[in-house]
């Protein structure tokens, strides 16, 4: 386990609902090639704060890398809805582009 992951986990012990720290931890898991652990963090972020835009995109990409296309599609769609409600056209564009790149639903 990397020192960064250890440090971020230590911070989360004191502040478990810190989405910024969880996002950093998720990114470290991605760097380490552990999409499942990253996905756990992104899902937790969205449980804490459903408006945390970046978590939708990266959770969808993690689902995609794990071959879980239906879940990737669902999280991209939910993120696009949240971005519309929040007026974030940049996030909406990224999520819709990611959604368009997925293979057709089965």
PDB file of N, CA and C in Angstrom:
ATOM      1  N   UNK A   1       0.844  -1.174   0.000  1.00  0.00           N
ATOM      2  CA  UNK A   1       0.000   0.000   0.000  1.00  0.00           C
ATOM      3  C   UNK A   1       0.890   1.238   0.000  1.00  0.00           C
ATOM      4  N   UNK A   2       0.506   2.216  -0.809  1.00  0.00           N
ATOM      5  CA  UNK A   2       1.332   3.417  -0.907  1.00  0.00           C
ATOM      6  C   UNK A   2       1.207   4.286   0.339  1.00  0.00           C
ATOM      7  N   UNK A   3       2.214   5.100   0.539  1.00  0.00           N
ATOM      8  CA  UNK A   3       2.213   6.021   1.677  1.00  0.00           C
ATOM      9  C   UNK A   3       1.068   7.025   1.562  1.00  0.00           C
ATOM     10  N   UNK A   4       0.746   7.420   0.334  1.00  0.00           N
ATOM     11  CA  UNK A   4      -0.370   8.364   0.145  1.00  0.00           C
ATOM     12  C   UNK A   4      -1.685   7.736   0.584  1.00  0.00           C
ATOM     13  N   UNK A   5      -1.904   6.489   0.185  1.00  0.00           N
ATOM     14  CA  UNK A   5      -3.130   5.802   0.583  1.00  0.00           C
ATOM     15  C   UNK A   5      -3.194   5.698   2.097  1.00  0.00           C
ATOM     16  N   UNK A   6      -2.097   5.324   2.720  1.00  0.00           N
ATOM     17  CA  UNK A   6      -2.049   5.234   4.186  1.00  0.00           C
ATOM     18  C   UNK A   6      -2.363   6.582   4.826  1.00  0.00           C
ATOM     19  N   UNK A   7      -1.777   7.644   4.296  1.00  0.00           N
ATOM     20  CA  UNK A   7      -1.989   8.981   4.860  1.00  0.00           C
ATOM     21  C   UNK A   7      -3.452   9.419   4.700  1.00  0.00           C
ATOM     22  N   UNK A   8      -4.020   9.170   3.535  1.00  0.00           N
ATOM     23  CA  UNK A   8      -5.406   9.567   3.305  1.00  0.00           C
ATOM     24  C   UNK A   8      -6.361   8.765   4.185  1.00  0.00           C
ATOM     25  N   UNK A   9      -6.094   7.490   4.365  1.00  0.00           N
ATOM     26  CA  UNK A   9      -6.923   6.674   5.257  1.00  0.00           C
ATOM     27  C   UNK A   9      -6.829   7.170   6.690  1.00  0.00           C
ATOM     28  N   UNK A  10      -5.658   7.602   7.081  1.00  0.00           N
ATOM     29  CA  UNK A  10      -5.472   8.141   8.421  1.00  0.00           C
ATOM     30  C   UNK A  10      -6.309   9.408   8.612  1.00  0.00           C
ATOM     31  N   UNK A  11      -6.302  10.263   7.630  1.00  0.00           N
ATOM     32  CA  UNK A  11      -7.107  11.494   7.695  1.00  0.00           C
ATOM     33  C   UNK A  11      -8.590  11.145   7.787  1.00  0.00           C
ATOM     34  N   UNK A  12      -9.017  10.137   7.025  1.00  0.00           N
ATOM     35  CA  UNK A  12     -10.430   9.753   7.027  1.00  0.00           C
ATOM     36  C   UNK A  12     -10.887   9.172   8.364  1.00  0.00           C
ATOM     37  N   UNK A  13      -9.956   8.631   9.120  1.00  0.00           N
ATOM     38  CA  UNK A  13     -10.331   8.135  10.450  1.00  0.00           C
ATOM     39  C   UNK A  13     -10.846   9.275  11.313  1.00  0.00           C
ATOM     40  N   UNK A  14     -10.242  10.435  11.170  1.00  0.00           N
ATOM     41  CA  UNK A  14     -10.652  11.600  11.951  1.00  0.00           C
ATOM     42  C   UNK A  14     -11.829  12.336  11.318  1.00  0.00           C
ATOM     43  N   UNK A  15     -11.959  12.227  10.009  1.00  0.00           N
ATOM     44  CA  UNK A  15     -13.000  12.965   9.297  1.00  0.00           C
ATOM     45  C   UNK A  15     -13.585  12.095   8.175  1.00  0.00           C
ATOM     46  N   UNK A  16     -14.389  11.085   8.528  1.00  0.00           N
ATOM     47  CA  UNK A  16     -14.848  10.103   7.549  1.00  0.00           C
ATOM     48  C   UNK A  16     -15.758  10.642   6.450  1.00  0.00           C
ATOM     49  N   UNK A  17     -16.346  11.795   6.642  1.00  0.00           N
ATOM     50  CA  UNK A  17     -17.240  12.354   5.628  1.00  0.00           C
ATOM     51  C   UNK A  17     -16.584  13.423   4.768  1.00  0.00           C
ATOM     52  N   UNK A  18     -15.275  13.482   4.784  1.00  0.00           N
ATOM     53  CA  UNK A  18     -14.550  14.466   3.979  1.00  0.00           C
ATOM     54  C   UNK A  18     -14.450  13.955   2.537  1.00  0.00           C
ATOM     55  N   UNK A  19     -15.328  14.471   1.686  1.00  0.00           N
ATOM     56  CA  UNK A  19     -15.389  14.003   0.301  1.00  0.00           C
ATOM     57  C   UNK A  19     -14.127  14.331  -0.486  1.00  0.00           C
ATOM     58  N   UNK A  20     -13.495  15.443  -0.189  1.00  0.00           N
ATOM     59  CA  UNK A  20     -12.267  15.811  -0.894  1.00  0.00           C
ATOM     60  C   UNK A  20     -11.173  14.780  -0.627  1.00  0.00           C
ATOM     61  N   UNK A  21     -11.044  14.361   0.620  1.00  0.00           N
ATOM     62  CA  UNK A  21     -10.045  13.352   0.984  1.00  0.00           C
ATOM     63  C   UNK A  21     -10.420  12.008   0.368  1.00  0.00           C
ATOM     64  N   UNK A  22     -11.689  11.649   0.415  1.00  0.00           N
ATOM     65  CA  UNK A  22     -12.134  10.393  -0.208  1.00  0.00           C
ATOM     66  C   UNK A  22     -11.861  10.399  -1.712  1.00  0.00           C
ATOM     67  N   UNK A  23     -12.078  11.535  -2.348  1.00  0.00           N
ATOM     68  CA  UNK A  23     -11.811  11.648  -3.782  1.00  0.00           C
ATOM     69  C   UNK A  23     -10.317  11.433  -4.047  1.00  0.00           C
ATOM     70  N   UNK A  24      -9.482  12.025  -3.237  1.00  0.00           N
ATOM     71  CA  UNK A  24      -8.036  11.823  -3.375  1.00  0.00           C
ATOM     72  C   UNK A  24      -7.651  10.368  -3.173  1.00  0.00           C
ATOM     73  N   UNK A  25      -8.269   9.717  -2.194  1.00  0.00           N
ATOM     74  CA  UNK A  25      -8.009   8.302  -1.946  1.00  0.00           C
ATOM     75  C   UNK A  25      -8.449   7.461  -3.145  1.00  0.00           C
ATOM     76  N   UNK A  26      -9.605   7.769  -3.689  1.00  0.00           N
ATOM     77  CA  UNK A  26     -10.087   7.039  -4.873  1.00  0.00           C
ATOM     78  C   UNK A  26      -9.106   7.181  -6.031  1.00  0.00           C
ATOM     79  N   UNK A  27      -8.599   8.385  -6.236  1.00  0.00           N
ATOM     80  CA  UNK A  27      -7.643   8.610  -7.322  1.00  0.00           C
ATOM     81  C   UNK A  27      -6.351   7.828  -7.085  1.00  0.00           C
ATOM     82  N   UNK A  28      -5.926   7.732  -5.852  1.00  0.00           N
ATOM     83  CA  UNK A  28      -4.731   6.938  -5.540  1.00  0.00           C
ATOM     84  C   UNK A  28      -4.975   5.449  -5.820  1.00  0.00           C
ATOM     85  N   UNK A  29      -6.175   4.985  -5.520  1.00  0.00           N
ATOM     86  CA  UNK A  29      -6.502   3.582  -5.830  1.00  0.00           C
ATOM     87  C   UNK A  29      -6.476   3.351  -7.343  1.00  0.00           C
ATOM     88  N   UNK A  30      -6.958   4.311  -8.103  1.00  0.00           N
ATOM     89  CA  UNK A  30      -6.915   4.179  -9.565  1.00  0.00           C
ATOM     90  C   UNK A  30      -5.464   4.094 -10.031  1.00  0.00           C
ATOM     91  N   UNK A  31      -4.624   4.974  -9.499  1.00  0.00           N
ATOM     92  CA  UNK A  31      -3.202   4.943  -9.861  1.00  0.00           C
ATOM     93  C   UNK A  31      -2.565   3.601  -9.542  1.00  0.00           C
ATOM     94  N   UNK A  32      -3.037   2.968  -8.458  1.00  0.00           N
ATOM     95  CA  UNK A  32      -2.498   1.677  -8.042  1.00  0.00           C
ATOM     96  C   UNK A  32      -3.142   0.512  -8.802  1.00  0.00           C
ATOM     97  N   UNK A  33      -4.100   0.822  -9.688  1.00  0.00           N
ATOM     98  CA  UNK A  33      -4.752  -0.213 -10.473  1.00  0.00           C
ATOM     99  C   UNK A  33      -5.864  -0.945  -9.748  1.00  0.00           C
ATOM    100  N   UNK A  34      -6.383  -0.364  -8.676  1.00  0.00           N
ATOM    101  CA  UNK A  34      -7.434  -0.995  -7.889  1.00  0.00           C
ATOM    102  C   UNK A  34      -8.760  -0.263  -8.098  1.00  0.00           C
ATOM    103  N   UNK A  35      -9.409  -0.567  -9.223  1.00  0.00           N
ATOM    104  CA  UNK A  35     -10.667   0.105  -9.541  1.00  0.00           C
ATOM    105  C   UNK A  35     -11.783  -0.230  -8.559  1.00  0.00           C
ATOM    106  N   UNK A  36     -11.780  -1.430  -8.012  1.00  0.00           N
ATOM    107  CA  UNK A  36     -12.821  -1.800  -7.043  1.00  0.00           C
ATOM    108  C   UNK A  36     -12.742  -0.927  -5.793  1.00  0.00           C
ATOM    109  N   UNK A  37     -11.549  -0.728  -5.281  1.00  0.00           N
ATOM    110  CA  UNK A  37     -11.386   0.124  -4.099  1.00  0.00           C
ATOM    111  C   UNK A  37     -11.728   1.574  -4.432  1.00  0.00           C
ATOM    112  N   UNK A  38     -11.333   2.016  -5.614  1.00  0.00           N
ATOM    113  CA  UNK A  38     -11.670   3.384  -6.033  1.00  0.00           C
ATOM    114  C   UNK A  38     -13.176   3.544  -6.119  1.00  0.00           C
ATOM    115  N   UNK A  39     -13.837   2.569  -6.706  1.00  0.00           N
ATOM    116  CA  UNK A  39     -15.283   2.625  -6.856  1.00  0.00           C
ATOM    117  C   UNK A  39     -15.971   2.690  -5.493  1.00  0.00           C
ATOM    118  N   UNK A  40     -15.476   1.927  -4.540  1.00  0.00           N
ATOM    119  CA  UNK A  40     -16.033   1.993  -3.182  1.00  0.00           C
ATOM    120  C   UNK A  40     -15.997   3.419  -2.646  1.00  0.00           C
ATOM    121  N   UNK A  41     -14.890   4.110  -2.899  1.00  0.00           N
ATOM    122  CA  UNK A  41     -14.762   5.495  -2.413  1.00  0.00           C
ATOM    123  C   UNK A  41     -15.707   6.438  -3.162  1.00  0.00           C
ATOM    124  N   UNK A  42     -15.810   6.284  -4.477  1.00  0.00           N
ATOM    125  CA  UNK A  42     -16.715   7.145  -5.241  1.00  0.00           C
ATOM    126  C   UNK A  42     -18.168   6.944  -4.808  1.00  0.00           C
ATOM    127  N   UNK A  43     -18.558   5.694  -4.583  1.00  0.00           N
ATOM    128  CA  UNK A  43     -19.917   5.409  -4.125  1.00  0.00           C
ATOM    129  C   UNK A  43     -20.147   6.037  -2.751  1.00  0.00           C
ATOM    130  N   UNK A  44     -19.172   5.941  -1.877  1.00  0.00           N
ATOM    131  CA  UNK A  44     -19.296   6.551  -0.540  1.00  0.00           C
ATOM    132  C   UNK A  44     -19.419   8.067  -0.648  1.00  0.00           C
ATOM    133  N   UNK A  45     -18.635   8.673  -1.531  1.00  0.00           N
ATOM    134  CA  UNK A  45     -18.729  10.129  -1.743  1.00  0.00           C
ATOM    135  C   UNK A  45     -20.157  10.496  -2.121  1.00  0.00           C
ATOM    136  N   UNK A  46     -20.744   9.764  -3.051  1.00  0.00           N
ATOM    137  CA  UNK A  46     -22.090  10.089  -3.518  1.00  0.00           C
ATOM    138  C   UNK A  46     -23.149   9.815  -2.461  1.00  0.00           C
ATOM    139  N   UNK A  47     -22.878   8.905  -1.539  1.00  0.00           N
ATOM    140  CA  UNK A  47     -23.773   8.709  -0.398  1.00  0.00           C
ATOM    141  C   UNK A  47     -23.717   9.913   0.533  1.00  0.00           C
ATOM    142  N   UNK A  48     -22.541  10.484   0.691  1.00  0.00           N
ATOM    143  CA  UNK A  48     -22.351  11.646   1.568  1.00  0.00           C
ATOM    144  C   UNK A  48     -22.868  12.915   0.911  1.00  0.00           C
ATOM    145  N   UNK A  49     -22.532  13.094  -0.366  1.00  0.00           N
ATOM    146  CA  UNK A  49     -22.866  14.329  -1.085  1.00  0.00           C
ATOM    147  C   UNK A  49     -23.225  13.997  -2.532  1.00  0.00           C
ATOM    148  N   UNK A  50     -24.511  13.866  -2.787  1.00  0.00           N
ATOM    149  CA  UNK A  50     -24.983  13.479  -4.126  1.00  0.00           C
ATOM    150  C   UNK A  50     -24.699  14.534  -5.188  1.00  0.00           C
ATOM    151  N   UNK A  51     -24.235  15.707  -4.797  1.00  0.00           N
ATOM    152  CA  UNK A  51     -23.930  16.752  -5.778  1.00  0.00           C
ATOM    153  C   UNK A  51     -22.444  16.812  -6.142  1.00  0.00           C
ATOM    154  N   UNK A  52     -21.636  15.877  -5.652  1.00  0.00           N
ATOM    155  CA  UNK A  52     -20.193  15.873  -5.911  1.00  0.00           C
ATOM    156  C   UNK A  52     -19.957  15.362  -7.333  1.00  0.00           C
ATOM    157  N   UNK A  53     -19.960  16.293  -8.280  1.00  0.00           N
ATOM    158  CA  UNK A  53     -19.968  15.992  -9.711  1.00  0.00           C
ATOM    159  C   UNK A  53     -18.872  15.059 -10.191  1.00  0.00           C
ATOM    160  N   UNK A  54     -17.649  15.295  -9.800  1.00  0.00           N
ATOM    161  CA  UNK A  54     -16.524  14.503 -10.315  1.00  0.00           C
ATOM    162  C   UNK A  54     -16.661  13.031  -9.969  1.00  0.00           C
ATOM    163  N   UNK A  55     -17.328  12.726  -8.871  1.00  0.00           N
ATOM    164  CA  UNK A  55     -17.469  11.331  -8.456  1.00  0.00           C
ATOM    165  C   UNK A  55     -18.316  10.538  -9.446  1.00  0.00           C
ATOM    166  N   UNK A  56     -19.297  11.168 -10.075  1.00  0.00           N
ATOM    167  CA  UNK A  56     -20.128  10.460 -11.053  1.00  0.00           C
ATOM    168  C   UNK A  56     -19.291  10.015 -12.252  1.00  0.00           C
ATOM    169  N   UNK A  57     -18.528  10.937 -12.784  1.00  0.00           N
ATOM    170  CA  UNK A  57     -17.718  10.619 -13.965  1.00  0.00           C
ATOM    171  C   UNK A  57     -16.720   9.507 -13.658  1.00  0.00           C
ATOM    172  N   UNK A  58     -15.984   9.661 -12.571  1.00  0.00           N
ATOM    173  CA  UNK A  58     -14.937   8.690 -12.257  1.00  0.00           C
ATOM    174  C   UNK A  58     -15.510   7.354 -11.785  1.00  0.00           C
ATOM    175  N   UNK A  59     -16.649   7.373 -11.115  1.00  0.00           N
ATOM    176  CA  UNK A  59     -17.303   6.112 -10.765  1.00  0.00           C
ATOM    177  C   UNK A  59     -17.735   5.387 -12.031  1.00  0.00           C
ATOM    178  N   UNK A  60     -18.291   6.132 -12.972  1.00  0.00           N
ATOM    179  CA  UNK A  60     -18.699   5.525 -14.241  1.00  0.00           C
ATOM    180  C   UNK A  60     -17.531   4.924 -14.984  1.00  0.00           C
ATOM    181  N   UNK A  61     -16.415   5.625 -14.998  1.00  0.00           N
ATOM    182  CA  UNK A  61     -15.222   5.098 -15.669  1.00  0.00           C
ATOM    183  C   UNK A  61     -14.701   3.842 -14.955  1.00  0.00           C
ATOM    184  N   UNK A  62     -14.765   3.830 -13.633  1.00  0.00           N
ATOM    185  CA  UNK A  62     -14.333   2.635 -12.891  1.00  0.00           C
ATOM    186  C   UNK A  62     -15.258   1.463 -13.207  1.00  0.00           C
ATOM    187  N   UNK A  63     -16.576   1.711 -13.206  1.00  0.00           N
ATOM    188  CA  UNK A  63     -17.511   0.653 -13.599  1.00  0.00           C
ATOM    189  C   UNK A  63     -17.175   0.145 -15.001  1.00  0.00           C
ATOM    190  N   UNK A  64     -16.879   1.067 -15.887  1.00  0.00           N
ATOM    191  CA  UNK A  64     -16.555   0.711 -17.272  1.00  0.00           C
ATOM    192  C   UNK A  64     -15.306  -0.174 -17.326  1.00  0.00           C
ATOM    193  N   UNK A  65     -14.258   0.215 -16.626  1.00  0.00           N
ATOM    194  CA  UNK A  65     -13.030  -0.581 -16.624  1.00  0.00           C
ATOM    195  C   UNK A  65     -13.251  -1.960 -16.008  1.00  0.00           C
ATOM    196  N   UNK A  66     -14.223  -2.061 -15.100  1.00  0.00           N
ATOM    197  CA  UNK A  66     -14.543  -3.334 -14.468  1.00  0.00           C
ATOM    198  C   UNK A  66     -15.516  -4.164 -15.307  1.00  0.00           C
ATOM    199  N   UNK A  67     -15.921  -3.628 -16.471  1.00  0.00           N
ATOM    200  CA  UNK A  67     -16.822  -4.351 -17.362  1.00  0.00           C
ATOM    201  C   UNK A  67     -18.275  -4.300 -16.933  1.00  0.00           C
ATOM    202  N   UNK A  68     -18.609  -3.392 -16.060  1.00  0.00           N
ATOM    203  CA  UNK A  68     -19.971  -3.269 -15.527  1.00  0.00           C
ATOM    204  C   UNK A  68     -20.684  -2.123 -16.245  1.00  0.00           C
ATOM    205  N   UNK A  69     -21.000  -2.358 -17.521  1.00  0.00           N
ATOM    206  CA  UNK A  69     -21.502  -1.306 -18.406  1.00  0.00           C
ATOM    207  C   UNK A  69     -22.873  -0.763 -18.004  1.00  0.00           C
ATOM    208  N   UNK A  70     -23.763  -1.618 -17.526  1.00  0.00           N
ATOM    209  CA  UNK A  70     -25.084  -1.119 -17.120  1.00  0.00           C
ATOM    210  C   UNK A  70     -24.966  -0.161 -15.936  1.00  0.00           C
ATOM    211  N   UNK A  71     -24.078  -0.491 -15.008  1.00  0.00           N
ATOM    212  CA  UNK A  71     -23.877   0.395 -13.859  1.00  0.00           C
ATOM    213  C   UNK A  71     -23.163   1.681 -14.273  1.00  0.00           C
ATOM    214  N   UNK A  72     -22.241   1.575 -15.230  1.00  0.00           N
ATOM    215  CA  UNK A  72     -21.577   2.778 -15.755  1.00  0.00           C
ATOM    216  C   UNK A  72     -22.617   3.697 -16.393  1.00  0.00           C
ATOM    217  N   UNK A  73     -23.477   3.110 -17.199  1.00  0.00           N
ATOM    218  CA  UNK A  73     -24.523   3.887 -17.871  1.00  0.00           C
ATOM    219  C   UNK A  73     -25.418   4.584 -16.843  1.00  0.00           C
ATOM    220  N   UNK A  74     -25.834   3.843 -15.831  1.00  0.00           N
ATOM    221  CA  UNK A  74     -26.724   4.405 -14.810  1.00  0.00           C
ATOM    222  C   UNK A  74     -26.074   5.558 -14.057  1.00  0.00           C
ATOM    223  N   UNK A  75     -24.803   5.413 -13.706  1.00  0.00           N
ATOM    224  CA  UNK A  75     -24.151   6.478 -12.929  1.00  0.00           C
ATOM    225  C   UNK A  75     -23.873   7.697 -13.805  1.00  0.00           C
ATOM    226  N   UNK A  76     -23.522   7.491 -15.082  1.00  0.00           N
ATOM    227  CA  UNK A  76     -23.352   8.626 -15.988  1.00  0.00           C
ATOM    228  C   UNK A  76     -24.678   9.367 -16.166  1.00  0.00           C
ATOM    229  N   UNK A  77     -25.769   8.612 -16.322  1.00  0.00           N
ATOM    230  CA  UNK A  77     -27.087   9.244 -16.488  1.00  0.00           C
ATOM    231  C   UNK A  77     -27.483  10.022 -15.247  1.00  0.00           C
ATOM    232  N   UNK A  78     -27.279   9.432 -14.074  1.00  0.00           N
ATOM    233  CA  UNK A  78     -27.605  10.119 -12.822  1.00  0.00           C
ATOM    234  C   UNK A  78     -26.745  11.378 -12.669  1.00  0.00           C
ATOM    235  N   UNK A  79     -25.470  11.272 -12.991  1.00  0.00           N
ATOM    236  CA  UNK A  79     -24.594  12.441 -12.915  1.00  0.00           C
ATOM    237  C   UNK A  79     -25.028  13.551 -13.851  1.00  0.00           C
ATOM    238  N   UNK A  80     -25.467  13.185 -15.052  1.00  0.00           N
ATOM    239  CA  UNK A  80     -25.952  14.197 -16.002  1.00  0.00           C
ATOM    240  C   UNK A  80     -27.189  14.891 -15.444  1.00  0.00           C
ATOM    241  N   UNK A  81     -28.093  14.140 -14.829  1.00  0.00           N
ATOM    242  CA  UNK A  81     -29.282  14.730 -14.216  1.00  0.00           C
ATOM    243  C   UNK A  81     -28.897  15.714 -13.118  1.00  0.00           C
ATOM    244  N   UNK A  82     -27.949  15.302 -12.277  1.00  0.00           N
ATOM    245  CA  UNK A  82     -27.507  16.161 -11.180  1.00  0.00           C
ATOM    246  C   UNK A  82     -26.838  17.419 -11.724  1.00  0.00           C
ATOM    247  N   UNK A  83     -26.051  17.274 -12.795  1.00  0.00           N
ATOM    248  CA  UNK A  83     -25.375  18.446 -13.366  1.00  0.00           C
ATOM    249  C   UNK A  83     -26.378  19.412 -13.989  1.00  0.00           C
ATOM    250  N   UNK A  84     -27.437  18.889 -14.583  1.00  0.00           N
ATOM    251  CA  UNK A  84     -28.485  19.755 -15.136  1.00  0.00           C
ATOM    252  C   UNK A  84     -29.152  20.529 -14.005  1.00  0.00           C
ATOM    253  N   UNK A  85     -29.510  19.818 -12.946  1.00  0.00           N
ATOM    254  CA  UNK A  85     -30.152  20.466 -11.798  1.00  0.00           C
ATOM    255  C   UNK A  85     -29.248  21.517 -11.164  1.00  0.00           C
ATOM    256  N   UNK A  86     -27.944  21.259 -11.168  1.00  0.00           N
ATOM    257  CA  UNK A  86     -26.987  22.193 -10.570  1.00  0.00           C
ATOM    258  C   UNK A  86     -26.473  23.259 -11.534  1.00  0.00           C
ATOM    259  N   UNK A  87     -26.886  23.188 -12.791  1.00  0.00           N
ATOM    260  CA  UNK A  87     -26.456  24.174 -13.771  1.00  0.00           C
ATOM    261  C   UNK A  87     -25.006  24.044 -14.195  1.00  0.00           C
ATOM    262  N   UNK A  88     -24.434  22.858 -14.070  1.00  0.00           N
ATOM    263  CA  UNK A  88     -23.027  22.635 -14.420  1.00  0.00           C
ATOM    264  C   UNK A  88     -22.935  22.044 -15.831  1.00  0.00           C
ATOM    265  N   UNK A  89     -22.875  22.901 -16.825  1.00  0.00           N
ATOM    266  CA  UNK A  89     -22.883  22.446 -18.220  1.00  0.00           C
ATOM    267  C   UNK A  89     -21.593  21.713 -18.597  1.00  0.00           C
ATOM    268  N   UNK A  90     -20.479  22.067 -17.974  1.00  0.00           N
ATOM    269  CA  UNK A  90     -19.217  21.379 -18.264  1.00  0.00           C
ATOM    270  C   UNK A  90     -19.298  19.915 -17.826  1.00  0.00           C
ATOM    271  N   UNK A  91     -19.722  19.691 -16.589  1.00  0.00           N
ATOM    272  CA  UNK A  91     -19.857  18.317 -16.085  1.00  0.00           C
ATOM    273  C   UNK A  91     -20.881  17.551 -16.911  1.00  0.00           C
ATOM    274  N   UNK A  92     -21.969  18.205 -17.248  1.00  0.00           N
ATOM    275  CA  UNK A  92     -22.991  17.549 -18.070  1.00  0.00           C
ATOM    276  C   UNK A  92     -22.407  17.085 -19.394  1.00  0.00           C
ATOM    277  N   UNK A  93     -21.627  17.939 -20.038  1.00  0.00           N
ATOM    278  CA  UNK A  93     -21.008  17.583 -21.311  1.00  0.00           C
ATOM    279  C   UNK A  93     -20.072  16.390 -21.180  1.00  0.00           C
ATOM    280  N   UNK A  94     -19.262  16.374 -20.133  1.00  0.00           N
ATOM    281  CA  UNK A  94     -18.338  15.252 -19.915  1.00  0.00           C
ATOM    282  C   UNK A  94     -19.097  13.948 -19.674  1.00  0.00           C
ATOM    283  N   UNK A  95     -20.143  14.022 -18.879  1.00  0.00           N
ATOM    284  CA  UNK A  95     -20.924  12.828 -18.572  1.00  0.00           C
ATOM    285  C   UNK A  95     -21.670  12.318 -19.795  1.00  0.00           C
ATOM    286  N   UNK A  96     -22.230  13.221 -20.568  1.00  0.00           N
ATOM    287  CA  UNK A  96     -22.935  12.803 -21.778  1.00  0.00           C
ATOM    288  C   UNK A  96     -21.977  12.227 -22.806  1.00  0.00           C
ATOM    289  N   UNK A  97     -20.771  12.774 -22.895  1.00  0.00           N
ATOM    290  CA  UNK A  97     -19.765  12.226 -23.822  1.00  0.00           C
ATOM    291  C   UNK A  97     -19.341  10.828 -23.372  1.00  0.00           C
ATOM    292  N   UNK A  98     -19.150  10.645 -22.081  1.00  0.00           N
ATOM    293  CA  UNK A  98     -18.785   9.327 -21.569  1.00  0.00           C
ATOM    294  C   UNK A  98     -19.908   8.327 -21.820  1.00  0.00           C
ATOM    295  N   UNK A  99     -21.117   8.767 -21.650  1.00  0.00           N
ATOM    296  CA  UNK A  99     -22.285   7.912 -21.897  1.00  0.00           C
ATOM    297  C   UNK A  99     -22.354   7.501 -23.366  1.00  0.00           C
ATOM    298  N   UNK A 100     -22.071   8.438 -24.246  1.00  0.00           N
ATOM    299  CA  UNK A 100     -22.115   8.146 -25.691  1.00  0.00           C
ATOM    300  C   UNK A 100     -21.030   7.161 -26.118  1.00  0.00           C
ATOM    301  N   UNK A 101     -19.937   7.079 -25.367  1.00  0.00           N
ATOM    302  CA  UNK A 101     -18.847   6.165 -25.694  1.00  0.00           C
ATOM    303  C   UNK A 101     -19.121   4.721 -25.286  1.00  0.00           C
ATOM    304  N   UNK A 102     -20.129   4.515 -24.432  1.00  0.00           N
ATOM    305  CA  UNK A 102     -20.433   3.154 -23.983  1.00  0.00           C
ATOM    306  C   UNK A 102     -21.056   2.346 -25.118  1.00  0.00           C
ATOM    307  N   UNK A 103     -20.833   1.047 -25.100  1.00  0.00           N
ATOM    308  CA  UNK A 103     -21.518   0.200 -26.084  1.00  0.00           C
ATOM    309  C   UNK A 103     -23.022   0.240 -25.847  1.00  0.00           C
ATOM    310  N   UNK A 104     -23.825  -0.047 -26.856  1.00  0.00           N
ATOM    311  CA  UNK A 104     -25.279  -0.032 -26.676  1.00  0.00           C
ATOM    312  C   UNK A 104     -25.725  -0.954 -25.543  1.00  0.00           C
ATOM    313  N   UNK A 105     -26.791  -0.562 -24.868  1.00  0.00           N
ATOM    314  CA  UNK A 105     -27.307  -1.385 -23.769  1.00  0.00           C
ATOM    315  C   UNK A 105     -27.752  -2.743 -24.300  1.00  0.00           C
ATOM    316  N   UNK A 106     -27.558  -3.756 -23.473  1.00  0.00           N
ATOM    317  CA  UNK A 106     -27.927  -5.106 -23.908  1.00  0.00           C
ATOM    318  C   UNK A 106     -29.360  -5.444 -23.567  1.00  0.00           C
TER     319      UNK A 106
END
